[in-house]
Amino acid sequence: MNRTERNPNLIEKEHIPMLRFSTEDVLKDPVARSVRNYEANRATILGNAYRNKAIITFCTADGDVKRVETTVWCYDDKFVLLKSGTFLPLNSILKIENS
């Protein structure tokens, strides 16, 4: 079963620091990783310019798929910084959608 086919649980961004994440990337396809970087960049621009929220679907170390709805402040090649100062590993993100 594909991870994106599961029904992800919506969580609060304040709960993210309590989760464990794998060091391996959840996306194996280089094109999918490129799309994820594009989505992270777009979410950062929209978050800073318009305070737009993004819906981020990600995977924890134990394989649970979760979602969070928040503003993305910035990102780099390792992490995404969310509104409350919470860091989410970029390699754990399955997709980012702008709301």
N, C-alpha and C. Protein backbone atom coordinates (compact mmCIF):
# COMPACT_ATOMS: atom_id res chain seq x y z
N MET A 1 0.84 -1.18 0.00
CA MET A 1 0.00 0.00 0.00
C MET A 1 0.89 1.25 0.00
N ASN A 2 0.56 2.19 -0.84
CA ASN A 2 1.30 3.43 -0.95
C ASN A 2 0.97 4.31 0.25
N ARG A 3 1.98 4.98 0.79
CA ARG A 3 1.78 5.82 1.97
C ARG A 3 0.76 6.93 1.73
N THR A 4 0.70 7.47 0.53
CA THR A 4 -0.20 8.58 0.25
C THR A 4 -1.65 8.12 0.12
N GLU A 5 -1.89 6.79 0.05
CA GLU A 5 -3.25 6.29 -0.06
C GLU A 5 -3.95 6.22 1.29
N ARG A 6 -3.18 6.24 2.36
CA ARG A 6 -3.76 6.20 3.70
C ARG A 6 -4.45 7.51 4.00
N ASN A 7 -5.37 7.46 4.96
CA ASN A 7 -6.05 8.67 5.39
C ASN A 7 -5.22 9.32 6.49
N PRO A 8 -4.52 10.43 6.19
CA PRO A 8 -3.63 11.02 7.19
C PRO A 8 -4.40 11.71 8.32
N ASN A 9 -3.86 11.61 9.53
CA ASN A 9 -4.44 12.27 10.70
C ASN A 9 -3.98 13.71 10.75
N LEU A 10 -4.92 14.63 11.01
CA LEU A 10 -4.59 16.05 11.16
C LEU A 10 -4.11 16.27 12.59
N ILE A 11 -2.92 16.88 12.74
CA ILE A 11 -2.40 17.16 14.07
C ILE A 11 -2.07 18.64 14.20
N GLU A 12 -1.88 19.10 15.42
CA GLU A 12 -1.47 20.48 15.68
C GLU A 12 0.04 20.58 15.50
N LYS A 13 0.52 21.72 15.02
CA LYS A 13 1.95 21.90 14.78
C LYS A 13 2.77 21.81 16.07
N GLU A 14 2.15 22.08 17.21
CA GLU A 14 2.85 22.00 18.49
C GLU A 14 3.20 20.56 18.89
N HIS A 15 2.57 19.58 18.25
CA HIS A 15 2.82 18.17 18.55
C HIS A 15 3.98 17.60 17.73
N ILE A 16 4.43 18.32 16.71
CA ILE A 16 5.48 17.82 15.82
C ILE A 16 6.80 17.54 16.56
N PRO A 17 7.25 18.40 17.49
CA PRO A 17 8.52 18.10 18.18
C PRO A 17 8.51 16.78 18.96
N MET A 18 7.35 16.26 19.28
CA MET A 18 7.25 15.01 20.03
C MET A 18 7.33 13.77 19.12
N LEU A 19 7.33 13.99 17.80
CA LEU A 19 7.36 12.88 16.85
C LEU A 19 8.79 12.52 16.49
N ARG A 20 8.98 11.29 16.05
CA ARG A 20 10.28 10.82 15.57
C ARG A 20 10.23 10.69 14.05
N PHE A 21 11.35 11.02 13.40
CA PHE A 21 11.41 10.97 11.95
C PHE A 21 12.60 10.14 11.50
N SER A 22 12.44 9.50 10.36
CA SER A 22 13.49 8.69 9.77
C SER A 22 14.53 9.59 9.10
N THR A 23 15.74 9.09 8.96
CA THR A 23 16.77 9.83 8.24
C THR A 23 16.68 9.59 6.74
N GLU A 24 15.93 8.55 6.33
CA GLU A 24 15.75 8.26 4.91
C GLU A 24 14.63 9.13 4.33
N ASP A 25 14.78 9.48 3.07
CA ASP A 25 13.77 10.28 2.39
C ASP A 25 12.55 9.42 2.06
N VAL A 26 11.36 9.96 2.31
CA VAL A 26 10.13 9.22 2.03
C VAL A 26 9.83 9.19 0.53
N LEU A 27 10.44 10.09 -0.22
CA LEU A 27 10.26 10.12 -1.68
C LEU A 27 11.51 9.56 -2.33
N LYS A 28 11.36 8.51 -3.09
CA LYS A 28 12.50 7.87 -3.75
C LYS A 28 12.76 8.44 -5.14
N ASP A 29 11.74 8.99 -5.76
CA ASP A 29 11.83 9.52 -7.12
C ASP A 29 12.44 10.93 -7.12
N PRO A 30 13.52 11.16 -7.88
CA PRO A 30 14.13 12.49 -7.93
C PRO A 30 13.18 13.57 -8.44
N VAL A 31 12.28 13.23 -9.34
CA VAL A 31 11.31 14.20 -9.84
C VAL A 31 10.35 14.60 -8.73
N ALA A 32 9.91 13.63 -7.94
CA ALA A 32 9.01 13.92 -6.81
C ALA A 32 9.70 14.81 -5.79
N ARG A 33 10.99 14.58 -5.57
CA ARG A 33 11.75 15.43 -4.64
C ARG A 33 11.85 16.86 -5.17
N SER A 34 12.04 16.99 -6.46
CA SER A 34 12.10 18.31 -7.08
C SER A 34 10.76 19.04 -6.94
N VAL A 35 9.67 18.31 -7.14
CA VAL A 35 8.34 18.90 -6.97
C VAL A 35 8.14 19.33 -5.52
N ARG A 36 8.59 18.51 -4.58
CA ARG A 36 8.47 18.86 -3.16
C ARG A 36 9.23 20.15 -2.85
N ASN A 37 10.44 20.30 -3.40
CA ASN A 37 11.21 21.54 -3.19
C ASN A 37 10.49 22.74 -3.78
N TYR A 38 9.89 22.57 -4.97
CA TYR A 38 9.11 23.64 -5.57
C TYR A 38 7.93 24.02 -4.67
N GLU A 39 7.21 22.99 -4.15
CA GLU A 39 6.07 23.23 -3.27
C GLU A 39 6.50 23.94 -1.99
N ALA A 40 7.65 23.56 -1.43
CA ALA A 40 8.14 24.20 -0.21
C ALA A 40 8.50 25.66 -0.48
N ASN A 41 9.12 25.92 -1.62
CA ASN A 41 9.46 27.30 -1.99
C ASN A 41 8.19 28.14 -2.18
N ARG A 42 7.23 27.58 -2.85
CA ARG A 42 5.96 28.30 -3.10
C ARG A 42 5.23 28.56 -1.78
N ALA A 43 5.19 27.58 -0.89
CA ALA A 43 4.53 27.74 0.41
C ALA A 43 5.23 28.81 1.24
N THR A 44 6.56 28.89 1.13
CA THR A 44 7.33 29.91 1.85
C THR A 44 6.99 31.30 1.33
N ILE A 45 6.96 31.46 0.03
CA ILE A 45 6.63 32.76 -0.56
C ILE A 45 5.22 33.19 -0.18
N LEU A 46 4.26 32.28 -0.33
CA LEU A 46 2.87 32.62 0.00
C LEU A 46 2.68 32.85 1.50
N GLY A 47 3.41 32.11 2.32
CA GLY A 47 3.32 32.27 3.76
C GLY A 47 3.86 33.61 4.24
N ASN A 48 4.97 34.02 3.65
CA ASN A 48 5.58 35.29 4.06
C ASN A 48 4.86 36.50 3.48
N ALA A 49 4.45 36.40 2.24
CA ALA A 49 3.82 37.55 1.57
C ALA A 49 2.35 37.72 1.95
N TYR A 50 1.63 36.61 2.07
CA TYR A 50 0.18 36.70 2.25
C TYR A 50 -0.34 35.99 3.50
N ARG A 51 0.59 35.46 4.33
CA ARG A 51 0.21 34.70 5.53
C ARG A 51 -0.68 33.52 5.18
N ASN A 52 -0.44 32.98 4.00
CA ASN A 52 -1.21 31.84 3.50
C ASN A 52 -0.80 30.57 4.23
N LYS A 53 -1.76 29.73 4.55
CA LYS A 53 -1.47 28.46 5.21
C LYS A 53 -1.28 27.36 4.17
N ALA A 54 -0.46 26.40 4.54
CA ALA A 54 -0.21 25.23 3.70
C ALA A 54 -0.64 23.98 4.46
N ILE A 55 -1.05 22.97 3.71
CA ILE A 55 -1.36 21.67 4.30
C ILE A 55 -0.20 20.76 3.93
N ILE A 56 0.53 20.32 4.94
CA ILE A 56 1.71 19.49 4.74
C ILE A 56 1.39 18.07 5.17
N THR A 57 1.57 17.14 4.26
CA THR A 57 1.40 15.72 4.54
C THR A 57 2.79 15.12 4.70
N PHE A 58 3.02 14.45 5.83
CA PHE A 58 4.35 13.92 6.11
C PHE A 58 4.26 12.54 6.76
N CYS A 59 5.40 11.88 6.86
CA CYS A 59 5.47 10.53 7.38
C CYS A 59 6.43 10.48 8.56
N THR A 60 6.04 9.81 9.63
CA THR A 60 6.90 9.67 10.81
C THR A 60 7.80 8.44 10.63
N ALA A 61 8.70 8.23 11.60
CA ALA A 61 9.65 7.11 11.54
C ALA A 61 8.94 5.76 11.56
N ASP A 62 7.80 5.67 12.23
CA ASP A 62 7.08 4.39 12.30
C ASP A 62 6.10 4.19 11.15
N GLY A 63 6.11 5.11 10.16
CA GLY A 63 5.29 4.94 8.96
C GLY A 63 3.93 5.59 9.01
N ASP A 64 3.58 6.24 10.13
CA ASP A 64 2.29 6.93 10.21
C ASP A 64 2.31 8.16 9.31
N VAL A 65 1.22 8.36 8.58
CA VAL A 65 1.08 9.53 7.72
C VAL A 65 0.22 10.54 8.46
N LYS A 66 0.72 11.77 8.56
CA LYS A 66 0.02 12.83 9.28
C LYS A 66 -0.03 14.08 8.43
N ARG A 67 -0.94 14.99 8.81
CA ARG A 67 -1.09 16.28 8.14
C ARG A 67 -1.05 17.39 9.17
N VAL A 68 -0.56 18.54 8.76
CA VAL A 68 -0.58 19.72 9.59
C VAL A 68 -0.93 20.90 8.69
N GLU A 69 -1.74 21.82 9.21
CA GLU A 69 -2.10 23.03 8.46
C GLU A 69 -1.49 24.21 9.19
N THR A 70 -0.55 24.88 8.52
CA THR A 70 0.18 25.98 9.15
C THR A 70 0.84 26.85 8.09
N THR A 71 1.44 27.93 8.54
CA THR A 71 2.19 28.82 7.66
C THR A 71 3.65 28.36 7.61
N VAL A 72 4.21 28.32 6.42
CA VAL A 72 5.62 27.97 6.24
C VAL A 72 6.41 29.27 6.18
N TRP A 73 7.38 29.42 7.10
CA TRP A 73 8.18 30.65 7.13
C TRP A 73 9.41 30.56 6.25
N CYS A 74 10.10 29.42 6.27
CA CYS A 74 11.25 29.25 5.39
C CYS A 74 11.60 27.76 5.30
N TYR A 75 12.51 27.44 4.41
CA TYR A 75 12.97 26.06 4.26
C TYR A 75 14.38 26.06 3.70
N ASP A 76 15.07 24.93 3.91
CA ASP A 76 16.36 24.72 3.27
C ASP A 76 16.41 23.26 2.82
N ASP A 77 17.59 22.74 2.56
CA ASP A 77 17.68 21.38 2.03
C ASP A 77 17.42 20.31 3.09
N LYS A 78 17.30 20.69 4.36
CA LYS A 78 17.07 19.71 5.43
C LYS A 78 15.76 19.89 6.19
N PHE A 79 15.31 21.13 6.39
CA PHE A 79 14.14 21.39 7.24
C PHE A 79 13.22 22.44 6.65
N VAL A 80 11.96 22.38 7.11
CA VAL A 80 10.96 23.41 6.84
C VAL A 80 10.64 24.04 8.19
N LEU A 81 10.69 25.37 8.27
CA LEU A 81 10.37 26.08 9.50
C LEU A 81 8.92 26.53 9.44
N LEU A 82 8.14 26.10 10.43
CA LEU A 82 6.72 26.43 10.49
C LEU A 82 6.49 27.63 11.41
N LYS A 83 5.29 28.13 11.40
CA LYS A 83 4.93 29.37 12.07
C LYS A 83 5.35 29.43 13.54
N SER A 84 5.17 28.40 14.30
CA SER A 84 5.43 28.46 15.73
C SER A 84 6.89 28.18 16.09
N GLY A 85 7.77 28.21 15.10
CA GLY A 85 9.18 27.92 15.35
C GLY A 85 9.46 26.43 15.35
N THR A 86 8.56 25.66 14.82
CA THR A 86 8.69 24.22 14.74
C THR A 86 9.39 23.83 13.45
N PHE A 87 10.35 22.93 13.55
CA PHE A 87 11.06 22.42 12.38
C PHE A 87 10.51 21.06 12.00
N LEU A 88 10.30 20.86 10.70
CA LEU A 88 9.84 19.59 10.16
C LEU A 88 10.88 19.14 9.13
N PRO A 89 11.43 17.93 9.27
CA PRO A 89 12.43 17.48 8.29
C PRO A 89 11.85 17.42 6.87
N LEU A 90 12.55 18.03 5.93
CA LEU A 90 12.10 18.05 4.55
C LEU A 90 11.97 16.65 3.98
N ASN A 91 12.86 15.75 4.37
CA ASN A 91 12.83 14.39 3.81
C ASN A 91 11.67 13.55 4.32
N SER A 92 10.91 14.06 5.29
CA SER A 92 9.73 13.35 5.79
C SER A 92 8.44 13.80 5.10
N ILE A 93 8.52 14.86 4.29
CA ILE A 93 7.32 15.44 3.68
C ILE A 93 6.96 14.72 2.39
N LEU A 94 5.70 14.30 2.31
CA LEU A 94 5.17 13.64 1.11
C LEU A 94 4.67 14.68 0.12
N LYS A 95 3.94 15.69 0.61
CA LYS A 95 3.46 16.75 -0.28
C LYS A 95 3.08 17.99 0.52
N ILE A 96 3.06 19.12 -0.17
CA ILE A 96 2.67 20.40 0.41
C ILE A 96 1.62 21.01 -0.50
N GLU A 97 0.48 21.33 0.07
CA GLU A 97 -0.60 21.96 -0.69
C GLU A 97 -0.90 23.31 -0.07
N ASN A 98 -1.10 24.31 -0.91
CA ASN A 98 -1.46 25.64 -0.41
C ASN A 98 -2.96 25.78 -0.35
N SER A 99 -3.44 26.27 0.78
CA SER A 99 -4.90 26.41 0.94
C SER A 99 -5.36 27.80 0.58
